[in-house]
Amino acid sequence: MKRHLYYCTVIPSVVALSLAACGDKGNPIATTQVAAKVGSEEISVHQINQVLSRASKSSDSPEAIQVLTREILEKLIDQQLAIDQATESKLNRSPQVIAELEAARRDVLARAYLQQMASGLPKPTPEEIKSYFTDHPQLFAERRIFNLQEIIIPIAPGLVEQLRSFTTNDKTVEEVSAWLKGKNIAFTTGNASRAAEQIPLEILAKIHPLNTGQSAVLEATKAITFLHIAASQKAPITEAAASAGIEKYLMSQRTDEALAKKLKELRANTQITYMGEFAKAHNASTTPPINTSTTIEKGVAGLK
């Protein structure tokens, strides 16, 4: 995220600024000083450092840090002025504001727990990073950038088999579209250029072996996608260039798995009572599984 996003708003959210990371990047400002007074309220240097730790870069010069620090202080002053007016108008007693502040508090505590858990997890080893690189050539050594065309059709009996027969004959999107029109079958089309890492792995596994001009049929709960490779080009990434990204991904995956395991354990050991209509809904069904077909149903044009 670019630096200016942290402080360009004239009156930034009280919560947003108060939630800024408090990590120390070696800022040359003492945390016990008062930077300014706005009426009877004080703005501490610690508040500035909280925002500065997120807005500054390790490559910033002392001069740049000094300019940024002054800009942050001015924004904090604007913020305090707005807070004073909000308090005077008794907005702090508004049910909506109280609810938003409580939601922010809950979010901060939950994220703090996640961060604490993540900090205690071991980092991926060089061997794990290398193994991931080797096991996913479609993302690295054999990485490609695809120009994809798609046709999305609602599920209908016998349609999957017919579309698959078109893939064996290397039918084009235009030919398949014409056939669907002739059968009065509704469909939508789209196209997109996507690098391998922008495509969900379950879809990438199906299209990576294909050459330009070939197609695949993807099934989902409510829709079928006829996916055609209009063009592709090789764009490999070396292990050295990929290592940092792989480490970050594996760490994120490890954190998600640890959190899911911990939450499952906490649910098992904590009495949870659903009330009212939620009790009826809970008793009538089990927790739904994760829907892995969502990205397919959205189509390749919606892939990120």
C-alpha atoms as a PDB file:
ATOM      1  CA  MET A   1       0.000   0.000   0.000  1.00  0.00           C
ATOM      2  CA  LYS A   2       1.321   3.434  -0.853  1.00  0.00           C
ATOM      3  CA  ARG A   3       2.373   5.697   1.945  1.00  0.00           C
ATOM      4  CA  HIS A   4      -0.090   8.496   1.288  1.00  0.00           C
ATOM      5  CA  LEU A   5      -3.072   6.229   1.934  1.00  0.00           C
ATOM      6  CA  TYR A   6      -2.308   6.361   5.646  1.00  0.00           C
ATOM      7  CA  TYR A   7      -2.570  10.090   6.081  1.00  0.00           C
ATOM      8  CA  CYS A   8      -4.009  11.800   3.025  1.00  0.00           C
ATOM      9  CA  THR A   9      -7.563  12.000   4.402  1.00  0.00           C
ATOM     10  CA  VAL A  10      -8.213  15.368   6.021  1.00  0.00           C
ATOM     11  CA  ILE A  11     -10.107  13.859   8.949  1.00  0.00           C
ATOM     12  CA  PRO A  12      -9.071  10.191   9.181  1.00  0.00           C
ATOM     13  CA  SER A  13     -11.039   7.689  11.201  1.00  0.00           C
ATOM     14  CA  VAL A  14     -10.401   7.731  14.937  1.00  0.00           C
ATOM     15  CA  VAL A  15     -10.299   3.986  14.915  1.00  0.00           C
ATOM     16  CA  ALA A  16      -8.034   3.731  11.870  1.00  0.00           C
ATOM     17  CA  LEU A  17      -5.344   5.881  13.412  1.00  0.00           C
ATOM     18  CA  SER A  18      -5.621   4.307  16.849  1.00  0.00           C
ATOM     19  CA  LEU A  19      -5.201   0.860  15.304  1.00  0.00           C
ATOM     20  CA  ALA A  20      -1.979   1.706  13.470  1.00  0.00           C
ATOM     21  CA  ALA A  21       0.794  -0.761  14.223  1.00  0.00           C
ATOM     22  CA  CYS A  22       2.900   0.151  17.223  1.00  0.00           C
ATOM     23  CA  GLY A  23       6.079  -1.529  16.093  1.00  0.00           C
ATOM     24  CA  ASP A  24       9.292   0.473  16.507  1.00  0.00           C
ATOM     25  CA  LYS A  25      11.280   1.158  13.320  1.00  0.00           C
ATOM     26  CA  GLY A  26      13.892   3.088  15.201  1.00  0.00           C
ATOM     27  CA  ASN A  27      12.107   6.413  14.830  1.00  0.00           C
ATOM     28  CA  PRO A  28      14.274   9.123  16.395  1.00  0.00           C
ATOM     29  CA  ILE A  29      11.417  10.546  18.461  1.00  0.00           C
ATOM     30  CA  ALA A  30      11.081  10.002  22.197  1.00  0.00           C
ATOM     31  CA  THR A  31       7.778   8.375  23.164  1.00  0.00           C
ATOM     32  CA  THR A  32       7.305  10.417  26.381  1.00  0.00           C
ATOM     33  CA  GLN A  33       6.946  13.852  24.785  1.00  0.00           C
ATOM     34  CA  VAL A  34       3.797  15.781  24.059  1.00  0.00           C
ATOM     35  CA  ALA A  35       3.783  16.893  20.429  1.00  0.00           C
ATOM     36  CA  ALA A  36       0.882  19.345  20.602  1.00  0.00           C
ATOM     37  CA  LYS A  37      -2.135  20.424  22.601  1.00  0.00           C
ATOM     38  CA  VAL A  38      -5.523  20.865  20.985  1.00  0.00           C
ATOM     39  CA  GLY A  39      -7.581  22.711  23.547  1.00  0.00           C
ATOM     40  CA  SER A  40      -7.167  20.629  26.676  1.00  0.00           C
ATOM     41  CA  GLU A  41      -6.303  17.429  24.804  1.00  0.00           C
ATOM     42  CA  GLU A  42      -2.737  16.285  24.240  1.00  0.00           C
ATOM     43  CA  ILE A  43      -1.304  14.589  21.165  1.00  0.00           C
ATOM     44  CA  SER A  44       1.658  12.478  22.173  1.00  0.00           C
ATOM     45  CA  VAL A  45       4.698  11.597  20.139  1.00  0.00           C
ATOM     46  CA  HIS A  46       3.743   7.980  20.762  1.00  0.00           C
ATOM     47  CA  GLN A  47       0.587   8.570  18.702  1.00  0.00           C
ATOM     48  CA  ILE A  48       2.694   9.972  15.887  1.00  0.00           C
ATOM     49  CA  ASN A  49       5.050   7.010  16.052  1.00  0.00           C
ATOM     50  CA  GLN A  50       2.122   4.608  15.779  1.00  0.00           C
ATOM     51  CA  VAL A  51       1.140   6.102  12.438  1.00  0.00           C
ATOM     52  CA  LEU A  52       4.743   6.671  11.368  1.00  0.00           C
ATOM     53  CA  SER A  53       5.617   3.009  11.834  1.00  0.00           C
ATOM     54  CA  ARG A  54       3.062   2.171   9.157  1.00  0.00           C
ATOM     55  CA  ALA A  55       3.591   5.142   6.848  1.00  0.00           C
ATOM     56  CA  SER A  56       7.373   5.281   6.699  1.00  0.00           C
ATOM     57  CA  LYS A  57       9.783   3.063   4.783  1.00  0.00           C
ATOM     58  CA  SER A  58      13.119   1.730   5.940  1.00  0.00           C
ATOM     59  CA  SER A  59      14.713   3.502   2.966  1.00  0.00           C
ATOM     60  CA  ASP A  60      13.363   6.932   3.963  1.00  0.00           C
ATOM     61  CA  SER A  61      15.991   9.534   4.781  1.00  0.00           C
ATOM     62  CA  PRO A  62      15.964  11.400   8.133  1.00  0.00           C
ATOM     63  CA  GLU A  63      14.751  14.468   6.250  1.00  0.00           C
ATOM     64  CA  ALA A  64      11.856  12.551   4.707  1.00  0.00           C
ATOM     65  CA  ILE A  65      10.937  11.112   8.109  1.00  0.00           C
ATOM     66  CA  GLN A  66      10.907  14.619   9.574  1.00  0.00           C
ATOM     67  CA  VAL A  67       8.567  15.917   6.851  1.00  0.00           C
ATOM     68  CA  LEU A  68       6.307  12.892   7.222  1.00  0.00           C
ATOM     69  CA  THR A  69       6.218  13.310  10.990  1.00  0.00           C
ATOM     70  CA  ARG A  70       4.989  16.894  10.671  1.00  0.00           C
ATOM     71  CA  GLU A  71       2.327  15.871   8.162  1.00  0.00           C
ATOM     72  CA  ILE A  72       1.091  13.133  10.489  1.00  0.00           C
ATOM     73  CA  LEU A  73       0.931  15.577  13.412  1.00  0.00           C
ATOM     74  CA  GLU A  74      -1.186  18.001  11.394  1.00  0.00           C
ATOM     75  CA  LYS A  75      -3.588  15.197  10.484  1.00  0.00           C
ATOM     76  CA  LEU A  76      -3.805  14.151  14.141  1.00  0.00           C
ATOM     77  CA  ILE A  77      -4.624  17.747  15.043  1.00  0.00           C
ATOM     78  CA  ASP A  78      -7.399  17.778  12.418  1.00  0.00           C
ATOM     79  CA  GLN A  79      -8.616  14.496  13.808  1.00  0.00           C
ATOM     80  CA  GLN A  80      -8.712  15.796  17.378  1.00  0.00           C
ATOM     81  CA  LEU A  81     -10.643  18.870  16.270  1.00  0.00           C
ATOM     82  CA  ALA A  82     -13.219  16.591  14.660  1.00  0.00           C
ATOM     83  CA  ILE A  83     -13.350  14.411  17.782  1.00  0.00           C
ATOM     84  CA  ASP A  84     -13.990  17.474  19.946  1.00  0.00           C
ATOM     85  CA  GLN A  85     -16.857  18.546  17.718  1.00  0.00           C
ATOM     86  CA  ALA A  86     -18.282  15.027  17.654  1.00  0.00           C
ATOM     87  CA  THR A  87     -18.172  14.868  21.447  1.00  0.00           C
ATOM     88  CA  GLU A  88     -19.750  18.301  21.762  1.00  0.00           C
ATOM     89  CA  SER A  89     -22.538  17.120  19.462  1.00  0.00           C
ATOM     90  CA  LYS A  90     -22.860  13.980  21.627  1.00  0.00           C
ATOM     91  CA  LEU A  91     -22.144  11.741  18.661  1.00  0.00           C
ATOM     92  CA  ASN A  92     -20.134   9.561  21.025  1.00  0.00           C
ATOM     93  CA  ARG A  93     -23.480   8.534  22.524  1.00  0.00           C
ATOM     94  CA  SER A  94     -24.989   7.628  19.152  1.00  0.00           C
ATOM     95  CA  PRO A  95     -26.008   3.938  19.022  1.00  0.00           C
ATOM     96  CA  GLN A  96     -24.381   3.613  15.597  1.00  0.00           C
ATOM     97  CA  VAL A  97     -21.073   5.096  16.775  1.00  0.00           C
ATOM     98  CA  ILE A  98     -21.089   2.973  19.931  1.00  0.00           C
ATOM     99  CA  ALA A  99     -21.739  -0.137  17.842  1.00  0.00           C
ATOM    100  CA  GLU A 100     -18.907   0.725  15.412  1.00  0.00           C
ATOM    101  CA  LEU A 101     -16.462   1.353  18.253  1.00  0.00           C
ATOM    102  CA  GLU A 102     -17.395  -1.975  19.843  1.00  0.00           C
ATOM    103  CA  ALA A 103     -16.974  -3.732  16.498  1.00  0.00           C
ATOM    104  CA  ALA A 104     -13.539  -2.125  16.126  1.00  0.00           C
ATOM    105  CA  ARG A 105     -12.570  -3.227  19.634  1.00  0.00           C
ATOM    106  CA  ARG A 106     -13.567  -6.811  18.885  1.00  0.00           C
ATOM    107  CA  ASP A 107     -11.652  -6.730  15.609  1.00  0.00           C
ATOM    108  CA  VAL A 108      -8.508  -5.385  17.286  1.00  0.00           C
ATOM    109  CA  LEU A 109      -8.569  -8.055  19.987  1.00  0.00           C
ATOM    110  CA  ALA A 110      -9.161 -10.871  17.497  1.00  0.00           C
ATOM    111  CA  ARG A 111      -6.352  -9.656  15.221  1.00  0.00           C
ATOM    112  CA  ALA A 112      -4.032  -9.226  18.199  1.00  0.00           C
ATOM    113  CA  TYR A 113      -4.623 -12.856  19.117  1.00  0.00           C
ATOM    114  CA  LEU A 114      -3.936 -13.935  15.540  1.00  0.00           C
ATOM    115  CA  GLN A 115      -0.723 -11.902  15.464  1.00  0.00           C
ATOM    116  CA  GLN A 116       0.363 -13.374  18.783  1.00  0.00           C
ATOM    117  CA  MET A 117      -0.292 -16.883  17.497  1.00  0.00           C
ATOM    118  CA  ALA A 118       1.538 -16.197  14.232  1.00  0.00           C
ATOM    119  CA  SER A 119       4.564 -14.807  16.057  1.00  0.00           C
ATOM    120  CA  GLY A 120       4.970 -18.111  17.876  1.00  0.00           C
ATOM    121  CA  LEU A 121       4.865 -20.279  14.766  1.00  0.00           C
ATOM    122  CA  PRO A 122       8.110 -21.466  13.150  1.00  0.00           C
ATOM    123  CA  LYS A 123       9.011 -19.874   9.848  1.00  0.00           C
ATOM    124  CA  PRO A 124       9.180 -22.060   6.732  1.00  0.00           C
ATOM    125  CA  THR A 125      12.594 -23.638   6.336  1.00  0.00           C
ATOM    126  CA  PRO A 126      14.707 -23.254   3.172  1.00  0.00           C
ATOM    127  CA  GLU A 127      13.918 -26.912   2.445  1.00  0.00           C
ATOM    128  CA  GLU A 128      10.161 -26.272   2.637  1.00  0.00           C
ATOM    129  CA  ILE A 129      10.463 -23.267   0.344  1.00  0.00           C
ATOM    130  CA  LYS A 130      12.500 -25.251  -2.170  1.00  0.00           C
ATOM    131  CA  SER A 131      10.032 -28.127  -2.005  1.00  0.00           C
ATOM    132  CA  TYR A 132       7.096 -25.833  -2.750  1.00  0.00           C
ATOM    133  CA  PHE A 133       8.980 -24.335  -5.676  1.00  0.00           C
ATOM    134  CA  THR A 134       9.755 -27.799  -7.067  1.00  0.00           C
ATOM    135  CA  ASP A 135       6.233 -29.146  -6.513  1.00  0.00           C
ATOM    136  CA  HIS A 136       4.547 -26.258  -8.343  1.00  0.00           C
ATOM    137  CA  PRO A 137       6.341 -25.819 -11.674  1.00  0.00           C
ATOM    138  CA  GLN A 138       3.194 -24.264 -13.164  1.00  0.00           C
ATOM    139  CA  LEU A 139       3.720 -21.300 -10.848  1.00  0.00           C
ATOM    140  CA  PHE A 140       7.464 -20.925 -11.286  1.00  0.00           C
ATOM    141  CA  ALA A 141       9.761 -22.851 -13.641  1.00  0.00           C
ATOM    142  CA  GLU A 142       6.930 -23.431 -16.159  1.00  0.00           C
ATOM    143  CA  ARG A 143       4.934 -20.302 -15.373  1.00  0.00           C
ATOM    144  CA  ARG A 144       2.829 -18.905 -18.197  1.00  0.00           C
ATOM    145  CA  ILE A 145       0.659 -15.879 -18.845  1.00  0.00           C
ATOM    146  CA  PHE A 146      -2.663 -16.894 -20.353  1.00  0.00           C
ATOM    147  CA  ASN A 147      -5.078 -15.074 -22.609  1.00  0.00           C
ATOM    148  CA  LEU A 148      -8.310 -16.853 -21.705  1.00  0.00           C
ATOM    149  CA  GLN A 149     -11.777 -16.852 -23.224  1.00  0.00           C
ATOM    150  CA  GLU A 150     -14.754 -18.344 -21.454  1.00  0.00           C
ATOM    151  CA  ILE A 151     -18.371 -19.274 -21.852  1.00  0.00           C
ATOM    152  CA  ILE A 152     -20.440 -19.660 -18.679  1.00  0.00           C
ATOM    153  CA  ILE A 153     -23.585 -21.756 -18.929  1.00  0.00           C
ATOM    154  CA  PRO A 154     -26.107 -22.731 -16.217  1.00  0.00           C
ATOM    155  CA  ILE A 155     -26.080 -26.402 -15.282  1.00  0.00           C
ATOM    156  CA  ALA A 156     -28.295 -28.546 -17.528  1.00  0.00           C
ATOM    157  CA  PRO A 157     -28.576 -32.343 -18.037  1.00  0.00           C
ATOM    158  CA  GLY A 158     -26.156 -33.724 -20.628  1.00  0.00           C
ATOM    159  CA  LEU A 159     -24.506 -30.370 -21.244  1.00  0.00           C
ATOM    160  CA  VAL A 160     -21.154 -31.217 -19.642  1.00  0.00           C
ATOM    161  CA  GLU A 161     -20.653 -34.236 -21.871  1.00  0.00           C
ATOM    162  CA  GLN A 162     -21.491 -32.242 -24.992  1.00  0.00           C
ATOM    163  CA  LEU A 163     -19.098 -29.442 -24.068  1.00  0.00           C
ATOM    164  CA  ARG A 164     -16.337 -31.940 -23.346  1.00  0.00           C
ATOM    165  CA  SER A 165     -16.780 -33.364 -26.807  1.00  0.00           C
ATOM    166  CA  PHE A 166     -16.097 -29.876 -28.161  1.00  0.00           C
ATOM    167  CA  THR A 167     -12.752 -29.787 -26.314  1.00  0.00           C
ATOM    168  CA  THR A 168     -11.587 -32.965 -28.051  1.00  0.00           C
ATOM    169  CA  ASN A 169     -12.397 -31.374 -31.411  1.00  0.00           C
ATOM    170  CA  ASP A 170     -10.692 -28.069 -30.509  1.00  0.00           C
ATOM    171  CA  LYS A 171     -13.841 -26.068 -31.100  1.00  0.00           C
ATOM    172  CA  THR A 172     -13.449 -22.319 -30.803  1.00  0.00           C
ATOM    173  CA  VAL A 173     -15.457 -20.103 -28.452  1.00  0.00           C
ATOM    174  CA  GLU A 174     -17.303 -18.716 -31.470  1.00  0.00           C
ATOM    175  CA  GLU A 175     -18.287 -22.222 -32.631  1.00  0.00           C
ATOM    176  CA  VAL A 176     -19.464 -23.261 -29.169  1.00  0.00           C
ATOM    177  CA  SER A 177     -21.400 -20.004 -28.778  1.00  0.00           C
ATOM    178  CA  ALA A 178     -23.132 -20.600 -32.109  1.00  0.00           C
ATOM    179  CA  TRP A 179     -24.109 -24.120 -31.040  1.00  0.00           C
ATOM    180  CA  LEU A 180     -25.541 -22.834 -27.750  1.00  0.00           C
ATOM    181  CA  LYS A 181     -27.535 -20.165 -29.578  1.00  0.00           C
ATOM    182  CA  GLY A 182     -28.901 -22.799 -31.923  1.00  0.00           C
ATOM    183  CA  LYS A 183     -30.108 -24.769 -28.904  1.00  0.00           C
ATOM    184  CA  ASN A 184     -31.570 -21.642 -27.251  1.00  0.00           C
ATOM    185  CA  ILE A 185     -29.293 -22.152 -24.246  1.00  0.00           C
ATOM    186  CA  ALA A 186     -28.511 -18.993 -22.278  1.00  0.00           C
ATOM    187  CA  PHE A 187     -24.851 -18.183 -21.640  1.00  0.00           C
ATOM    188  CA  THR A 188     -22.437 -15.362 -20.943  1.00  0.00           C
ATOM    189  CA  THR A 189     -18.939 -14.824 -22.292  1.00  0.00           C
ATOM    190  CA  GLY A 190     -15.791 -13.139 -21.053  1.00  0.00           C
ATOM    191  CA  ASN A 191     -12.070 -12.899 -21.576  1.00  0.00           C
ATOM    192  CA  ALA A 192      -9.061 -11.988 -19.458  1.00  0.00           C
ATOM    193  CA  SER A 193      -5.293 -12.067 -19.382  1.00  0.00           C
ATOM    194  CA  ARG A 194      -4.022 -13.813 -16.262  1.00  0.00           C
ATOM    195  CA  ALA A 195      -0.628 -14.925 -15.002  1.00  0.00           C
ATOM    196  CA  ALA A 196      -0.484 -18.391 -13.476  1.00  0.00           C
ATOM    197  CA  GLU A 197      -0.422 -17.119  -9.888  1.00  0.00           C
ATOM    198  CA  GLN A 198      -3.639 -15.162 -10.492  1.00  0.00           C
ATOM    199  CA  ILE A 199      -5.548 -18.347 -11.261  1.00  0.00           C
ATOM    200  CA  PRO A 200      -6.830 -20.642  -8.482  1.00  0.00           C
ATOM    201  CA  LEU A 201      -4.706 -23.784  -8.280  1.00  0.00           C
ATOM    202  CA  GLU A 202      -7.634 -26.107  -8.964  1.00  0.00           C
ATOM    203  CA  ILE A 203      -8.267 -24.328 -12.274  1.00  0.00           C
ATOM    204  CA  LEU A 204      -4.594 -23.902 -13.113  1.00  0.00           C
ATOM    205  CA  ALA A 205      -4.076 -27.648 -12.745  1.00  0.00           C
ATOM    206  CA  LYS A 206      -6.615 -28.203 -15.526  1.00  0.00           C
ATOM    207  CA  ILE A 207      -5.345 -25.623 -18.010  1.00  0.00           C
ATOM    208  CA  HIS A 208      -1.572 -25.758 -17.463  1.00  0.00           C
ATOM    209  CA  PRO A 209      -1.140 -28.951 -19.553  1.00  0.00           C
ATOM    210  CA  LEU A 210      -3.097 -27.418 -22.457  1.00  0.00           C
ATOM    211  CA  ASN A 211      -1.638 -25.677 -25.488  1.00  0.00           C
ATOM    212  CA  THR A 212      -2.889 -22.572 -27.250  1.00  0.00           C
ATOM    213  CA  GLY A 213      -6.144 -23.339 -29.034  1.00  0.00           C
ATOM    214  CA  GLN A 214      -7.210 -26.031 -26.580  1.00  0.00           C
ATOM    215  CA  SER A 215     -10.048 -25.859 -24.046  1.00  0.00           C
ATOM    216  CA  ALA A 216     -11.227 -27.296 -20.744  1.00  0.00           C
ATOM    217  CA  VAL A 217     -14.635 -27.711 -19.147  1.00  0.00           C
ATOM    218  CA  LEU A 218     -14.967 -26.716 -15.496  1.00  0.00           C
ATOM    219  CA  GLU A 219     -17.912 -27.913 -13.436  1.00  0.00           C
ATOM    220  CA  ALA A 220     -19.320 -26.052 -10.449  1.00  0.00           C
ATOM    221  CA  THR A 221     -22.495 -26.242  -8.405  1.00  0.00           C
ATOM    222  CA  LYS A 222     -24.610 -23.934 -10.541  1.00  0.00           C
ATOM    223  CA  ALA A 223     -22.633 -23.358 -13.708  1.00  0.00           C
ATOM    224  CA  ILE A 224     -20.346 -24.898 -16.300  1.00  0.00           C
ATOM    225  CA  THR A 225     -17.439 -22.970 -17.786  1.00  0.00           C
ATOM    226  CA  PHE A 226     -16.001 -23.680 -21.207  1.00  0.00           C
ATOM    227  CA  LEU A 227     -12.488 -22.227 -20.875  1.00  0.00           C
ATOM    228  CA  HIS A 228     -10.438 -21.663 -24.019  1.00  0.00           C
ATOM    229  CA  ILE A 229      -6.742 -20.743 -24.214  1.00  0.00           C
ATOM    230  CA  ALA A 230      -6.616 -18.123 -26.936  1.00  0.00           C
ATOM    231  CA  ALA A 231      -2.893 -17.530 -26.382  1.00  0.00           C
ATOM    232  CA  SER A 232      -0.169 -18.008 -23.799  1.00  0.00           C
ATOM    233  CA  GLN A 233       3.447 -17.119 -23.284  1.00  0.00           C
ATOM    234  CA  LYS A 234       6.157 -18.530 -21.046  1.00  0.00           C
ATOM    235  CA  ALA A 235       7.241 -16.319 -18.138  1.00  0.00           C
ATOM    236  CA  PRO A 236       9.287 -18.447 -15.723  1.00  0.00           C
ATOM    237  CA  ILE A 237      10.377 -17.241 -12.290  1.00  0.00           C
ATOM    238  CA  THR A 238      13.624 -18.385 -10.681  1.00  0.00           C
ATOM    239  CA  GLU A 239      13.740 -19.934  -7.241  1.00  0.00           C
ATOM    240  CA  ALA A 240      15.712 -16.985  -5.904  1.00  0.00           C
ATOM    241  CA  ALA A 241      13.088 -14.518  -7.110  1.00  0.00           C
ATOM    242  CA  ALA A 242      10.218 -16.625  -5.805  1.00  0.00           C
ATOM    243  CA  SER A 243      11.588 -17.505  -2.359  1.00  0.00           C
ATOM    244  CA  ALA A 244      10.316 -14.452  -0.481  1.00  0.00           C
ATOM    245  CA  GLY A 245       6.804 -14.830  -1.886  1.00  0.00           C
ATOM    246  CA  ILE A 246       6.758 -18.556  -1.169  1.00  0.00           C
ATOM    247  CA  GLU A 247       7.873 -17.971   2.410  1.00  0.00           C
ATOM    248  CA  LYS A 248       5.125 -15.403   2.928  1.00  0.00           C
ATOM    249  CA  TYR A 249       2.506 -17.707   1.412  1.00  0.00           C
ATOM    250  CA  LEU A 250       3.578 -20.733   3.462  1.00  0.00           C
ATOM    251  CA  MET A 251       3.602 -18.639   6.633  1.00  0.00           C
ATOM    252  CA  SER A 252       0.117 -17.352   5.895  1.00  0.00           C
ATOM    253  CA  GLN A 253      -1.082 -20.880   5.198  1.00  0.00           C
ATOM    254  CA  ARG A 254       0.522 -22.125   8.428  1.00  0.00           C
ATOM    255  CA  THR A 255      -1.150 -19.340  10.395  1.00  0.00           C
ATOM    256  CA  ASP A 256      -4.567 -20.061   8.883  1.00  0.00           C
ATOM    257  CA  GLU A 257      -4.243 -23.769   9.690  1.00  0.00           C
ATOM    258  CA  ALA A 258      -3.112 -23.084  13.250  1.00  0.00           C
ATOM    259  CA  LEU A 259      -5.960 -20.645  13.811  1.00  0.00           C
ATOM    260  CA  ALA A 260      -8.555 -23.041  12.374  1.00  0.00           C
ATOM    261  CA  LYS A 261      -7.244 -25.821  14.618  1.00  0.00           C
ATOM    262  CA  LYS A 262      -7.294 -23.574  17.683  1.00  0.00           C
ATOM    263  CA  LEU A 263     -10.807 -22.286  16.988  1.00  0.00           C
ATOM    264  CA  LYS A 264     -12.046 -25.850  16.542  1.00  0.00           C
ATOM    265  CA  GLU A 265     -10.492 -26.738  19.885  1.00  0.00           C
ATOM    266  CA  LEU A 266     -12.020 -23.675  21.571  1.00  0.00           C
ATOM    267  CA  ARG A 267     -15.457 -24.461  20.126  1.00  0.00           C
ATOM    268  CA  ALA A 268     -15.225 -28.011  21.448  1.00  0.00           C
ATOM    269  CA  ASN A 269     -14.336 -26.812  24.943  1.00  0.00           C
ATOM    270  CA  THR A 270     -16.707 -23.832  25.171  1.00  0.00           C
ATOM    271  CA  GLN A 271     -20.475 -23.964  25.650  1.00  0.00           C
ATOM    272  CA  ILE A 272     -22.052 -22.180  22.693  1.00  0.00           C
ATOM    273  CA  THR A 273     -25.827 -21.710  22.793  1.00  0.00           C
ATOM    274  CA  TYR A 274     -27.686 -20.489  19.726  1.00  0.00           C
ATOM    275  CA  MET A 275     -30.795 -18.452  20.519  1.00  0.00           C
ATOM    276  CA  GLY A 276     -34.112 -17.725  18.819  1.00  0.00           C
ATOM    277  CA  GLU A 277     -34.235 -18.168  15.065  1.00  0.00           C
ATOM    278  CA  PHE A 278     -30.518 -18.913  15.019  1.00  0.00           C
ATOM    279  CA  ALA A 279     -31.148 -21.951  17.223  1.00  0.00           C
ATOM    280  CA  LYS A 280     -33.727 -23.276  14.771  1.00  0.00           C
ATOM    281  CA  ALA A 281     -31.409 -22.745  11.817  1.00  0.00           C
ATOM    282  CA  HIS A 282     -28.497 -24.370  13.649  1.00  0.00           C
ATOM    283  CA  ASN A 283     -30.528 -27.405  14.645  1.00  0.00           C
ATOM    284  CA  ALA A 284     -31.900 -27.806  11.135  1.00  0.00           C
ATOM    285  CA  SER A 285     -28.541 -27.942   9.427  1.00  0.00           C
ATOM    286  CA  THR A 286     -24.862 -28.502   9.992  1.00  0.00           C
ATOM    287  CA  THR A 287     -22.113 -25.985   9.329  1.00  0.00           C
ATOM    288  CA  PRO A 288     -21.844 -25.692   5.519  1.00  0.00           C
ATOM    289  CA  PRO A 289     -18.535 -26.749   3.950  1.00  0.00           C
ATOM    290  CA  ILE A 290     -16.260 -24.257   2.268  1.00  0.00           C
ATOM    291  CA  ASN A 291     -17.445 -23.700  -1.294  1.00  0.00           C
ATOM    292  CA  THR A 292     -14.431 -24.308  -3.489  1.00  0.00           C
ATOM    293  CA  SER A 293     -16.402 -23.825  -6.683  1.00  0.00           C
ATOM    294  CA  THR A 294     -17.074 -20.108  -6.191  1.00  0.00           C
ATOM    295  CA  THR A 295     -14.183 -18.958  -8.342  1.00  0.00           C
ATOM    296  CA  ILE A 296     -15.262 -21.186 -11.188  1.00  0.00           C
ATOM    297  CA  GLU A 297     -18.824 -19.905 -11.071  1.00  0.00           C
ATOM    298  CA  LYS A 298     -17.634 -16.287 -11.112  1.00  0.00           C
ATOM    299  CA  GLY A 299     -15.726 -17.012 -14.283  1.00  0.00           C
ATOM    300  CA  VAL A 300     -12.178 -16.318 -15.277  1.00  0.00           C
ATOM    301  CA  ALA A 301     -12.927 -12.622 -15.777  1.00  0.00           C
ATOM    302  CA  GLY A 302     -13.416 -12.385 -12.028  1.00  0.00           C
ATOM    303  CA  LEU A 303     -10.193 -14.116 -11.047  1.00  0.00           C
ATOM    304  CA  LYS A 304      -7.708 -12.061  -9.039  1.00  0.00           C
END
